[in-house]
Each structure stands twice: as structure tokens, then as C-alpha cells.
Amino acid sequence: MIDYTKEELVELLKKNPEKFNAWKIEQEEVDLSEVDFSGINLAEIDFSDVDLNSSSFADCSLSFVNFTNADLTSVDFTRAGVLECDFTDALLTGADCSYAQMTYCNFSDCDMAGCILSETDLSNSDLTSSVNLNAARYDEDTVWPDDDMLPSDFDGTGHRDLSALQDDEDDTVSSDW
């Protein structure tokens, strides 16, 4: 069994994703936490059951990636293009998906508590059985899939990103001190 460093695994993913997938099958656990994948194009990668905690996929192009049961806590997906990826049973708690295109994805039983979805495009993604979507942060620019792809108790129109909350501003007179 070949033992790779995290840096070697990133290079393997870039150059020979099939070899990574074959290697991963033989592993009990794979730790790719805190790895910077920024700007990489990844397709048909098997990240199921992988610890990706605090990693960055910012500005990546991801297609047909399997994140089933992966730990994606605090992962950075900002500005990523995420197409037809499977997030079944994944932990997306605290992940930042701002400005991402996450289309045609499956979020079945995916925990989305604290997930930041500001200006995220979730068109045609299946969120019907996602967990804690009401505890995610989103704004009026978040693009939701059709209602039949959202949980029955979810209303994306009545909630705003917490950063939109503002204190009442008093009209104060400035003074020269």
C-alpha cells in the first residue's frame, strides 16, 4: 500500500484522478483536512467518507464528484462551479458556498447548519431531504431550485442573511473635537 502526503495526493488528483480513486478504495480513512484545492478542475472524484474539514475548493470546477458522508465542515466553496455532485449524508456545517454555482447536486440528508449560501445558485439541486437548511445563511440573491426540490417546511423568501440586520441609525450631529 502506497502512503501519500497531502501534497502528493493533490498532485495525484490533478494528474491521475483514476489512480486516486483506486488508491482511496483500499484506505480505511483519508484525511485531506486543511488542503488547498483552489482553482483546480476535478471531475469524477470519489471523496466519499473523506475528511475535508477546513479545506478550500474556492474557484474550482467540480463535476460528478462524490462527497457522500464526507466531512465538509468549514470548507470554502466560494465562486466554485459545482455540477452534479453528490453531498448525500455530508456535513456542510459552516461551509462557505458564497457566489458558487451548485447546480444539479444532491443534498439528501446533508447537514447544512451554518452553511453560507449568499448569492449561491442552487438551480435544479435536490434539497428536499437536506437537514438544517433553515439554519443556513442566505440572502435575497440566493437562487433556489423549484419548490418541489426544497423541504416542505422551508421558505427561502422570509429569511435573510444575518449580515443584513442593522442597528437603527440615529441622526447624530458630528462635532469637531
N, C-alpha and C. Protein backbone atom coordinates (compact mmCIF):
# COMPACT_ATOMS: atom_id res chain seq x y z
N MET A 1 0.84 -1.18 0.00
CA MET A 1 0.00 0.00 0.00
C MET A 1 0.88 1.25 0.00
N ILE A 2 0.61 2.16 -0.91
CA ILE A 2 1.38 3.39 -1.04
C ILE A 2 0.84 4.42 -0.07
N ASP A 3 1.75 5.09 0.65
CA ASP A 3 1.35 6.12 1.58
C ASP A 3 1.75 7.47 0.99
N TYR A 4 0.76 8.33 0.74
CA TYR A 4 1.00 9.63 0.12
C TYR A 4 0.90 10.74 1.17
N THR A 5 1.64 11.82 0.94
CA THR A 5 1.44 13.03 1.73
C THR A 5 0.23 13.77 1.14
N LYS A 6 -0.28 14.74 1.85
CA LYS A 6 -1.40 15.52 1.33
C LYS A 6 -1.02 16.22 0.03
N GLU A 7 0.18 16.75 -0.04
CA GLU A 7 0.64 17.44 -1.25
C GLU A 7 0.71 16.47 -2.43
N GLU A 8 1.19 15.25 -2.18
CA GLU A 8 1.25 14.24 -3.24
C GLU A 8 -0.14 13.82 -3.70
N LEU A 9 -1.10 13.78 -2.77
CA LEU A 9 -2.47 13.43 -3.14
C LEU A 9 -3.10 14.52 -4.01
N VAL A 10 -2.80 15.78 -3.73
CA VAL A 10 -3.31 16.87 -4.57
C VAL A 10 -2.75 16.73 -5.98
N GLU A 11 -1.47 16.45 -6.09
CA GLU A 11 -0.86 16.26 -7.41
C GLU A 11 -1.47 15.05 -8.12
N LEU A 12 -1.73 13.99 -7.38
CA LEU A 12 -2.36 12.79 -7.95
C LEU A 12 -3.77 13.12 -8.46
N LEU A 13 -4.51 13.91 -7.70
CA LEU A 13 -5.85 14.32 -8.13
C LEU A 13 -5.80 15.16 -9.41
N LYS A 14 -4.80 16.00 -9.54
CA LYS A 14 -4.66 16.84 -10.72
C LYS A 14 -4.29 16.01 -11.96
N LYS A 15 -3.35 15.08 -11.78
CA LYS A 15 -2.77 14.37 -12.92
C LYS A 15 -3.39 13.02 -13.22
N ASN A 16 -3.87 12.31 -12.18
CA ASN A 16 -4.36 10.96 -12.39
C ASN A 16 -5.49 10.64 -11.40
N PRO A 17 -6.67 11.26 -11.61
CA PRO A 17 -7.77 11.06 -10.66
C PRO A 17 -8.22 9.60 -10.55
N GLU A 18 -8.10 8.84 -11.62
CA GLU A 18 -8.48 7.42 -11.57
C GLU A 18 -7.60 6.66 -10.59
N LYS A 19 -6.32 7.01 -10.56
CA LYS A 19 -5.39 6.36 -9.64
C LYS A 19 -5.72 6.73 -8.19
N PHE A 20 -6.13 8.01 -7.96
CA PHE A 20 -6.56 8.42 -6.62
C PHE A 20 -7.76 7.60 -6.19
N ASN A 21 -8.77 7.48 -7.07
CA ASN A 21 -9.98 6.73 -6.73
C ASN A 21 -9.66 5.28 -6.40
N ALA A 22 -8.75 4.66 -7.16
CA ALA A 22 -8.36 3.27 -6.89
C ALA A 22 -7.61 3.17 -5.56
N TRP A 23 -6.72 4.12 -5.28
CA TRP A 23 -5.97 4.14 -4.02
C TRP A 23 -6.92 4.31 -2.83
N LYS A 24 -7.90 5.21 -2.97
CA LYS A 24 -8.82 5.51 -1.88
C LYS A 24 -9.63 4.30 -1.45
N ILE A 25 -9.99 3.44 -2.38
CA ILE A 25 -10.79 2.25 -2.08
C ILE A 25 -10.10 1.38 -1.03
N GLU A 26 -8.77 1.35 -1.05
CA GLU A 26 -8.00 0.49 -0.15
C GLU A 26 -7.76 1.12 1.23
N GLN A 27 -8.19 2.37 1.42
CA GLN A 27 -7.90 3.09 2.66
C GLN A 27 -9.05 2.98 3.65
N GLU A 28 -8.71 2.85 4.93
CA GLU A 28 -9.73 2.87 5.98
C GLU A 28 -10.27 4.27 6.15
N GLU A 29 -9.39 5.25 6.17
CA GLU A 29 -9.80 6.64 6.26
C GLU A 29 -8.80 7.50 5.52
N VAL A 30 -9.32 8.59 4.95
CA VAL A 30 -8.48 9.52 4.21
C VAL A 30 -8.66 10.90 4.82
N ASP A 31 -7.55 11.52 5.22
CA ASP A 31 -7.58 12.84 5.83
C ASP A 31 -6.99 13.85 4.85
N LEU A 32 -7.87 14.66 4.28
CA LEU A 32 -7.44 15.76 3.41
C LEU A 32 -7.91 17.09 4.00
N SER A 33 -7.96 17.13 5.34
CA SER A 33 -8.37 18.36 6.01
C SER A 33 -7.33 19.45 5.77
N GLU A 34 -7.82 20.69 5.69
CA GLU A 34 -6.99 21.88 5.54
C GLU A 34 -6.13 21.88 4.29
N VAL A 35 -6.59 21.22 3.23
CA VAL A 35 -5.86 21.19 1.96
C VAL A 35 -6.42 22.27 1.04
N ASP A 36 -5.53 22.94 0.31
CA ASP A 36 -5.93 23.98 -0.62
C ASP A 36 -6.03 23.40 -2.03
N PHE A 37 -7.27 23.20 -2.48
CA PHE A 37 -7.54 22.71 -3.84
C PHE A 37 -7.90 23.87 -4.77
N SER A 38 -7.77 25.10 -4.33
CA SER A 38 -8.25 26.28 -5.05
C SER A 38 -7.83 26.27 -6.52
N GLY A 39 -8.82 26.57 -7.37
CA GLY A 39 -8.56 26.73 -8.79
C GLY A 39 -8.36 25.46 -9.58
N ILE A 40 -8.52 24.30 -8.96
CA ILE A 40 -8.31 23.02 -9.65
C ILE A 40 -9.61 22.55 -10.28
N ASN A 41 -9.53 21.94 -11.44
CA ASN A 41 -10.68 21.29 -12.07
C ASN A 41 -10.67 19.82 -11.66
N LEU A 42 -11.76 19.38 -11.02
CA LEU A 42 -11.85 18.00 -10.57
C LEU A 42 -13.13 17.38 -11.11
N ALA A 43 -13.01 16.21 -11.71
CA ALA A 43 -14.18 15.52 -12.26
C ALA A 43 -14.11 14.04 -11.88
N GLU A 44 -15.29 13.51 -11.52
CA GLU A 44 -15.45 12.09 -11.21
C GLU A 44 -14.49 11.60 -10.13
N ILE A 45 -14.35 12.40 -9.07
CA ILE A 45 -13.51 12.05 -7.93
C ILE A 45 -14.39 11.44 -6.85
N ASP A 46 -13.87 10.43 -6.15
CA ASP A 46 -14.59 9.81 -5.05
C ASP A 46 -14.03 10.32 -3.73
N PHE A 47 -14.70 11.34 -3.17
CA PHE A 47 -14.35 11.88 -1.86
C PHE A 47 -15.29 11.34 -0.79
N SER A 48 -16.00 10.22 -1.05
CA SER A 48 -16.91 9.67 -0.05
C SER A 48 -16.14 9.27 1.19
N ASP A 49 -16.70 9.61 2.36
CA ASP A 49 -16.12 9.31 3.67
C ASP A 49 -14.76 9.98 3.93
N VAL A 50 -14.39 10.98 3.15
CA VAL A 50 -13.11 11.66 3.31
C VAL A 50 -13.27 12.85 4.25
N ASP A 51 -12.27 13.08 5.11
CA ASP A 51 -12.23 14.24 5.98
C ASP A 51 -11.62 15.40 5.20
N LEU A 52 -12.47 16.35 4.80
CA LEU A 52 -12.04 17.54 4.05
C LEU A 52 -12.22 18.81 4.89
N ASN A 53 -12.37 18.64 6.20
CA ASN A 53 -12.60 19.73 7.13
C ASN A 53 -11.62 20.89 6.87
N SER A 54 -12.18 22.10 6.71
CA SER A 54 -11.41 23.34 6.55
C SER A 54 -10.56 23.39 5.29
N SER A 55 -10.89 22.59 4.29
CA SER A 55 -10.18 22.64 3.01
C SER A 55 -10.79 23.74 2.15
N SER A 56 -10.11 24.08 1.05
CA SER A 56 -10.62 25.11 0.15
C SER A 56 -10.76 24.58 -1.27
N PHE A 57 -11.97 24.75 -1.79
CA PHE A 57 -12.27 24.46 -3.19
C PHE A 57 -12.65 25.77 -3.89
N ALA A 58 -12.17 26.89 -3.38
CA ALA A 58 -12.51 28.20 -3.95
C ALA A 58 -12.07 28.24 -5.41
N ASP A 59 -12.95 28.77 -6.25
CA ASP A 59 -12.68 28.96 -7.69
C ASP A 59 -12.42 27.65 -8.42
N CYS A 60 -12.86 26.52 -7.87
CA CYS A 60 -12.69 25.22 -8.53
C CYS A 60 -13.84 24.95 -9.48
N SER A 61 -13.58 24.04 -10.38
CA SER A 61 -14.64 23.49 -11.22
C SER A 61 -14.76 22.02 -10.82
N LEU A 62 -15.91 21.66 -10.22
CA LEU A 62 -16.13 20.30 -9.72
C LEU A 62 -17.32 19.70 -10.46
N SER A 63 -17.13 18.54 -11.06
CA SER A 63 -18.26 17.88 -11.72
C SER A 63 -18.24 16.39 -11.41
N PHE A 64 -19.43 15.88 -11.10
CA PHE A 64 -19.63 14.47 -10.80
C PHE A 64 -18.72 13.98 -9.67
N VAL A 65 -18.50 14.85 -8.68
CA VAL A 65 -17.68 14.49 -7.52
C VAL A 65 -18.59 13.90 -6.45
N ASN A 66 -18.16 12.79 -5.85
CA ASN A 66 -18.93 12.11 -4.82
C ASN A 66 -18.41 12.54 -3.44
N PHE A 67 -19.23 13.35 -2.74
CA PHE A 67 -18.91 13.80 -1.39
C PHE A 67 -19.75 13.06 -0.35
N THR A 68 -20.29 11.89 -0.68
CA THR A 68 -21.16 11.15 0.23
C THR A 68 -20.46 10.91 1.57
N ASN A 69 -21.14 11.31 2.65
CA ASN A 69 -20.66 11.10 4.01
C ASN A 69 -19.31 11.77 4.29
N ALA A 70 -18.95 12.78 3.52
CA ALA A 70 -17.68 13.49 3.73
C ALA A 70 -17.86 14.57 4.80
N ASP A 71 -16.78 14.86 5.52
CA ASP A 71 -16.77 15.95 6.49
C ASP A 71 -16.32 17.21 5.75
N LEU A 72 -17.28 18.08 5.43
CA LEU A 72 -17.01 19.32 4.71
C LEU A 72 -17.21 20.53 5.64
N THR A 73 -17.01 20.31 6.94
CA THR A 73 -17.16 21.37 7.92
C THR A 73 -16.19 22.51 7.59
N SER A 74 -16.72 23.71 7.51
CA SER A 74 -15.93 24.93 7.27
C SER A 74 -15.14 24.90 5.96
N VAL A 75 -15.60 24.15 4.98
CA VAL A 75 -14.92 24.11 3.68
C VAL A 75 -15.30 25.36 2.89
N ASP A 76 -14.35 25.85 2.10
CA ASP A 76 -14.55 27.05 1.28
C ASP A 76 -14.87 26.63 -0.16
N PHE A 77 -16.13 26.86 -0.57
CA PHE A 77 -16.56 26.60 -1.94
C PHE A 77 -16.84 27.92 -2.68
N THR A 78 -16.32 29.06 -2.18
CA THR A 78 -16.66 30.35 -2.80
C THR A 78 -16.27 30.37 -4.27
N ARG A 79 -17.20 30.87 -5.07
CA ARG A 79 -17.04 31.04 -6.52
C ARG A 79 -16.77 29.74 -7.27
N ALA A 80 -17.03 28.60 -6.65
CA ALA A 80 -16.78 27.31 -7.31
C ALA A 80 -17.94 26.96 -8.25
N GLY A 81 -17.62 26.27 -9.32
CA GLY A 81 -18.63 25.71 -10.20
C GLY A 81 -18.80 24.25 -9.81
N VAL A 82 -19.94 23.91 -9.23
CA VAL A 82 -20.18 22.56 -8.70
C VAL A 82 -21.36 21.97 -9.47
N LEU A 83 -21.09 21.01 -10.33
CA LEU A 83 -22.11 20.45 -11.21
C LEU A 83 -22.32 18.97 -10.95
N GLU A 84 -23.55 18.59 -10.68
CA GLU A 84 -23.95 17.19 -10.49
C GLU A 84 -23.08 16.45 -9.48
N CYS A 85 -22.83 17.08 -8.35
CA CYS A 85 -22.07 16.46 -7.27
C CYS A 85 -23.03 15.89 -6.23
N ASP A 86 -22.60 14.84 -5.54
CA ASP A 86 -23.43 14.16 -4.55
C ASP A 86 -22.94 14.48 -3.15
N PHE A 87 -23.80 15.17 -2.37
CA PHE A 87 -23.49 15.56 -1.00
C PHE A 87 -24.32 14.74 0.01
N THR A 88 -24.79 13.58 -0.37
CA THR A 88 -25.62 12.75 0.50
C THR A 88 -24.90 12.46 1.81
N ASP A 89 -25.58 12.73 2.94
CA ASP A 89 -25.06 12.48 4.29
C ASP A 89 -23.79 13.26 4.62
N ALA A 90 -23.45 14.27 3.85
CA ALA A 90 -22.24 15.06 4.12
C ALA A 90 -22.53 16.11 5.20
N LEU A 91 -21.47 16.57 5.85
CA LEU A 91 -21.56 17.67 6.81
C LEU A 91 -21.08 18.94 6.11
N LEU A 92 -22.00 19.85 5.83
CA LEU A 92 -21.64 21.14 5.23
C LEU A 92 -21.78 22.24 6.28
N THR A 93 -21.67 21.88 7.56
CA THR A 93 -21.83 22.86 8.63
C THR A 93 -20.72 23.91 8.56
N GLY A 94 -21.14 25.16 8.50
CA GLY A 94 -20.18 26.25 8.46
C GLY A 94 -19.43 26.41 7.15
N ALA A 95 -19.80 25.66 6.13
CA ALA A 95 -19.13 25.78 4.83
C ALA A 95 -19.53 27.10 4.17
N ASP A 96 -18.63 27.69 3.42
CA ASP A 96 -18.91 28.94 2.71
C ASP A 96 -19.07 28.64 1.23
N CYS A 97 -20.30 28.72 0.77
CA CYS A 97 -20.63 28.46 -0.64
C CYS A 97 -21.03 29.74 -1.36
N SER A 98 -20.61 30.88 -0.84
CA SER A 98 -20.96 32.17 -1.42
C SER A 98 -20.52 32.26 -2.87
N TYR A 99 -21.42 32.78 -3.71
CA TYR A 99 -21.16 33.03 -5.13
C TYR A 99 -20.90 31.75 -5.93
N ALA A 100 -21.16 30.59 -5.36
CA ALA A 100 -20.92 29.32 -6.07
C ALA A 100 -22.11 28.97 -6.96
N GLN A 101 -21.84 28.22 -8.01
CA GLN A 101 -22.86 27.65 -8.87
C GLN A 101 -22.95 26.17 -8.48
N MET A 102 -23.95 25.80 -7.70
CA MET A 102 -24.09 24.42 -7.21
C MET A 102 -25.34 23.82 -7.84
N THR A 103 -25.27 23.49 -9.11
CA THR A 103 -26.44 23.07 -9.87
C THR A 103 -26.48 21.56 -10.07
N TYR A 104 -27.71 21.05 -10.10
CA TYR A 104 -27.98 19.62 -10.30
C TYR A 104 -27.28 18.75 -9.25
N CYS A 105 -27.14 19.24 -8.03
CA CYS A 105 -26.48 18.49 -6.96
C CYS A 105 -27.53 17.81 -6.08
N ASN A 106 -27.10 16.75 -5.40
CA ASN A 106 -27.96 16.01 -4.47
C ASN A 106 -27.49 16.30 -3.05
N PHE A 107 -28.40 16.88 -2.23
CA PHE A 107 -28.09 17.22 -0.85
C PHE A 107 -28.91 16.37 0.13
N SER A 108 -29.24 15.15 -0.23
CA SER A 108 -30.05 14.27 0.64
C SER A 108 -29.35 14.04 1.97
N ASP A 109 -30.06 14.32 3.07
CA ASP A 109 -29.56 14.13 4.44
C ASP A 109 -28.25 14.86 4.70
N CYS A 110 -27.97 15.90 3.94
CA CYS A 110 -26.78 16.72 4.12
C CYS A 110 -27.08 17.77 5.19
N ASP A 111 -26.23 17.87 6.22
CA ASP A 111 -26.42 18.83 7.30
C ASP A 111 -25.86 20.19 6.86
N MET A 112 -26.76 21.17 6.73
CA MET A 112 -26.40 22.48 6.20
C MET A 112 -26.46 23.59 7.25
N ALA A 113 -26.40 23.23 8.54
CA ALA A 113 -26.44 24.23 9.61
C ALA A 113 -25.26 25.19 9.48
N GLY A 114 -25.55 26.47 9.42
CA GLY A 114 -24.50 27.48 9.34
C GLY A 114 -23.83 27.59 7.99
N CYS A 115 -24.29 26.85 7.00
CA CYS A 115 -23.73 26.92 5.66
C CYS A 115 -24.08 28.29 5.05
N ILE A 116 -23.10 28.94 4.46
CA ILE A 116 -23.32 30.27 3.89
C ILE A 116 -23.63 30.11 2.41
N LEU A 117 -24.84 30.54 2.04
CA LEU A 117 -25.33 30.38 0.67
C LEU A 117 -25.62 31.74 0.03
N SER A 118 -24.89 32.77 0.42
CA SER A 118 -25.12 34.10 -0.13
C SER A 118 -24.77 34.14 -1.61
N GLU A 119 -25.76 34.53 -2.42
CA GLU A 119 -25.62 34.63 -3.87
C GLU A 119 -25.23 33.29 -4.51
N THR A 120 -25.59 32.19 -3.87
CA THR A 120 -25.31 30.86 -4.41
C THR A 120 -26.43 30.47 -5.36
N ASP A 121 -26.07 29.87 -6.49
CA ASP A 121 -27.05 29.36 -7.45
C ASP A 121 -27.23 27.87 -7.20
N LEU A 122 -28.40 27.50 -6.67
CA LEU A 122 -28.71 26.10 -6.37
C LEU A 122 -29.74 25.54 -7.36
N SER A 123 -29.80 26.10 -8.55
CA SER A 123 -30.76 25.68 -9.56
C SER A 123 -30.72 24.18 -9.78
N ASN A 124 -31.90 23.60 -9.83
CA ASN A 124 -32.07 22.18 -10.14
C ASN A 124 -31.38 21.23 -9.16
N SER A 125 -30.97 21.72 -8.00
CA SER A 125 -30.38 20.84 -6.98
C SER A 125 -31.49 20.30 -6.09
N ASP A 126 -31.29 19.09 -5.56
CA ASP A 126 -32.29 18.44 -4.72
C ASP A 126 -31.96 18.67 -3.25
N LEU A 127 -32.76 19.54 -2.62
CA LEU A 127 -32.60 19.86 -1.21
C LEU A 127 -33.78 19.34 -0.39
N THR A 128 -34.63 18.49 -0.98
CA THR A 128 -35.87 18.07 -0.32
C THR A 128 -35.63 17.41 1.02
N SER A 129 -34.59 16.62 1.16
CA SER A 129 -34.35 15.96 2.44
C SER A 129 -33.05 16.43 3.10
N SER A 130 -32.63 17.66 2.76
CA SER A 130 -31.45 18.22 3.44
C SER A 130 -31.83 18.51 4.89
N VAL A 131 -30.83 18.58 5.74
CA VAL A 131 -31.04 18.77 7.18
C VAL A 131 -30.56 20.17 7.56
N ASN A 132 -31.35 20.86 8.39
CA ASN A 132 -30.99 22.18 8.93
C ASN A 132 -30.84 23.27 7.87
N LEU A 133 -31.56 23.16 6.75
CA LEU A 133 -31.49 24.22 5.74
C LEU A 133 -32.00 25.54 6.31
N ASN A 134 -32.95 25.48 7.25
CA ASN A 134 -33.45 26.70 7.88
C ASN A 134 -32.37 27.39 8.71
N ALA A 135 -31.32 26.66 9.08
CA ALA A 135 -30.23 27.24 9.87
C ALA A 135 -29.06 27.69 9.00
N ALA A 136 -29.25 27.64 7.68
CA ALA A 136 -28.21 28.13 6.76
C ALA A 136 -28.36 29.65 6.63
N ARG A 137 -27.31 30.30 6.17
CA ARG A 137 -27.34 31.74 5.93
C ARG A 137 -27.44 31.98 4.43
N TYR A 138 -28.40 32.79 4.03
CA TYR A 138 -28.58 33.11 2.62
C TYR A 138 -29.17 34.49 2.51
N ASP A 139 -29.23 35.01 1.31
CA ASP A 139 -29.75 36.35 1.12
C ASP A 139 -30.74 36.38 -0.04
N GLU A 140 -31.20 37.57 -0.39
CA GLU A 140 -32.19 37.68 -1.45
C GLU A 140 -31.61 37.34 -2.82
N ASP A 141 -30.30 37.24 -2.95
CA ASP A 141 -29.69 36.90 -4.23
C ASP A 141 -29.38 35.41 -4.36
N THR A 142 -29.72 34.62 -3.35
CA THR A 142 -29.56 33.17 -3.44
C THR A 142 -30.60 32.65 -4.44
N VAL A 143 -30.15 31.81 -5.38
CA VAL A 143 -31.05 31.24 -6.38
C VAL A 143 -31.43 29.84 -5.93
N TRP A 144 -32.72 29.64 -5.62
CA TRP A 144 -33.21 28.36 -5.12
C TRP A 144 -33.75 27.51 -6.27
N PRO A 145 -33.75 26.20 -6.10
CA PRO A 145 -34.41 25.35 -7.09
C PRO A 145 -35.93 25.52 -6.97
N ASP A 146 -36.69 24.88 -7.84
CA ASP A 146 -38.15 24.92 -7.75
C ASP A 146 -38.59 24.38 -6.39
N ASP A 147 -39.78 24.79 -5.96
CA ASP A 147 -40.31 24.41 -4.65
C ASP A 147 -40.35 22.91 -4.42
N ASP A 148 -40.56 22.12 -5.48
CA ASP A 148 -40.62 20.67 -5.30
C ASP A 148 -39.24 20.07 -5.02
N MET A 149 -38.19 20.87 -5.08
CA MET A 149 -36.84 20.41 -4.77
C MET A 149 -36.34 20.96 -3.43
N LEU A 150 -37.27 21.60 -2.67
CA LEU A 150 -36.94 22.16 -1.36
C LEU A 150 -37.74 21.43 -0.28
N PRO A 151 -37.26 21.43 0.98
CA PRO A 151 -38.04 20.82 2.06
C PRO A 151 -39.42 21.48 2.15
N SER A 152 -40.43 20.71 2.49
CA SER A 152 -41.80 21.24 2.54
C SER A 152 -41.96 22.35 3.57
N ASP A 153 -41.14 22.36 4.64
CA ASP A 153 -41.27 23.38 5.68
C ASP A 153 -40.33 24.57 5.46
N PHE A 154 -39.71 24.67 4.30
CA PHE A 154 -38.72 25.72 4.05
C PHE A 154 -39.33 26.87 3.26
N ASP A 155 -39.02 28.09 3.70
CA ASP A 155 -39.45 29.27 2.98
C ASP A 155 -38.25 30.20 2.83
N GLY A 156 -37.64 30.19 1.68
CA GLY A 156 -36.44 30.99 1.44
C GLY A 156 -36.72 32.47 1.28
N THR A 157 -37.99 32.87 1.16
CA THR A 157 -38.30 34.28 0.98
C THR A 157 -38.36 35.04 2.29
N GLY A 158 -38.60 34.36 3.40
CA GLY A 158 -38.81 35.05 4.66
C GLY A 158 -37.57 35.19 5.50
N HIS A 159 -36.44 34.77 5.03
CA HIS A 159 -35.23 34.77 5.83
C HIS A 159 -34.14 35.53 5.09
N ARG A 160 -33.37 36.27 5.83
CA ARG A 160 -32.26 37.00 5.21
C ARG A 160 -30.97 36.64 5.92
N ASP A 161 -29.89 36.90 5.26
CA ASP A 161 -28.57 36.71 5.83
C ASP A 161 -28.47 37.57 7.10
N LEU A 162 -27.87 37.04 8.14
CA LEU A 162 -27.74 37.79 9.40
C LEU A 162 -26.96 39.08 9.22
N SER A 163 -26.09 39.14 8.21
CA SER A 163 -25.33 40.36 7.99
C SER A 163 -26.23 41.50 7.53
N ALA A 164 -27.45 41.18 7.08
CA ALA A 164 -28.38 42.21 6.65
C ALA A 164 -29.03 42.93 7.83
N LEU A 165 -28.94 42.36 9.01
CA LEU A 165 -29.51 43.00 10.19
C LEU A 165 -28.68 44.23 10.53
N GLN A 166 -29.38 45.32 10.74
CA GLN A 166 -28.67 46.56 11.02
C GLN A 166 -29.29 47.24 12.22
N ASP A 167 -28.47 47.99 12.93
CA ASP A 167 -28.98 48.81 14.03
C ASP A 167 -29.69 50.02 13.43
N ASP A 168 -30.68 50.52 14.16
CA ASP A 168 -31.31 51.76 13.73
C ASP A 168 -30.28 52.87 13.87
N GLU A 169 -30.13 53.63 12.82
CA GLU A 169 -29.16 54.71 12.86
C GLU A 169 -29.85 55.98 13.35
N ASP A 170 -29.25 56.59 14.35
CA ASP A 170 -29.76 57.85 14.85
C ASP A 170 -29.12 58.98 14.04
N ASP A 171 -29.91 60.03 13.85
CA ASP A 171 -29.33 61.20 13.20
C ASP A 171 -28.50 61.92 14.26
N THR A 172 -27.22 61.83 14.10
CA THR A 172 -26.34 62.49 15.07
C THR A 172 -25.63 63.63 14.41
N VAL A 173 -25.33 64.61 15.19
CA VAL A 173 -24.61 65.76 14.69
C VAL A 173 -23.13 65.53 14.97
N SER A 174 -22.34 65.63 13.95
CA SER A 174 -20.91 65.45 14.17
C SER A 174 -20.34 66.71 14.79
N SER A 175 -19.34 66.52 15.58
CA SER A 175 -18.74 67.68 16.22
C SER A 175 -17.23 67.66 16.03
N ASP A 176 -16.65 68.81 16.07
CA ASP A 176 -15.19 68.89 15.99
C ASP A 176 -14.63 68.81 17.40
N TRP A 177 -13.84 67.84 17.65
CA TRP A 177 -13.27 67.68 19.00
C TRP A 177 -11.88 68.10 19.03
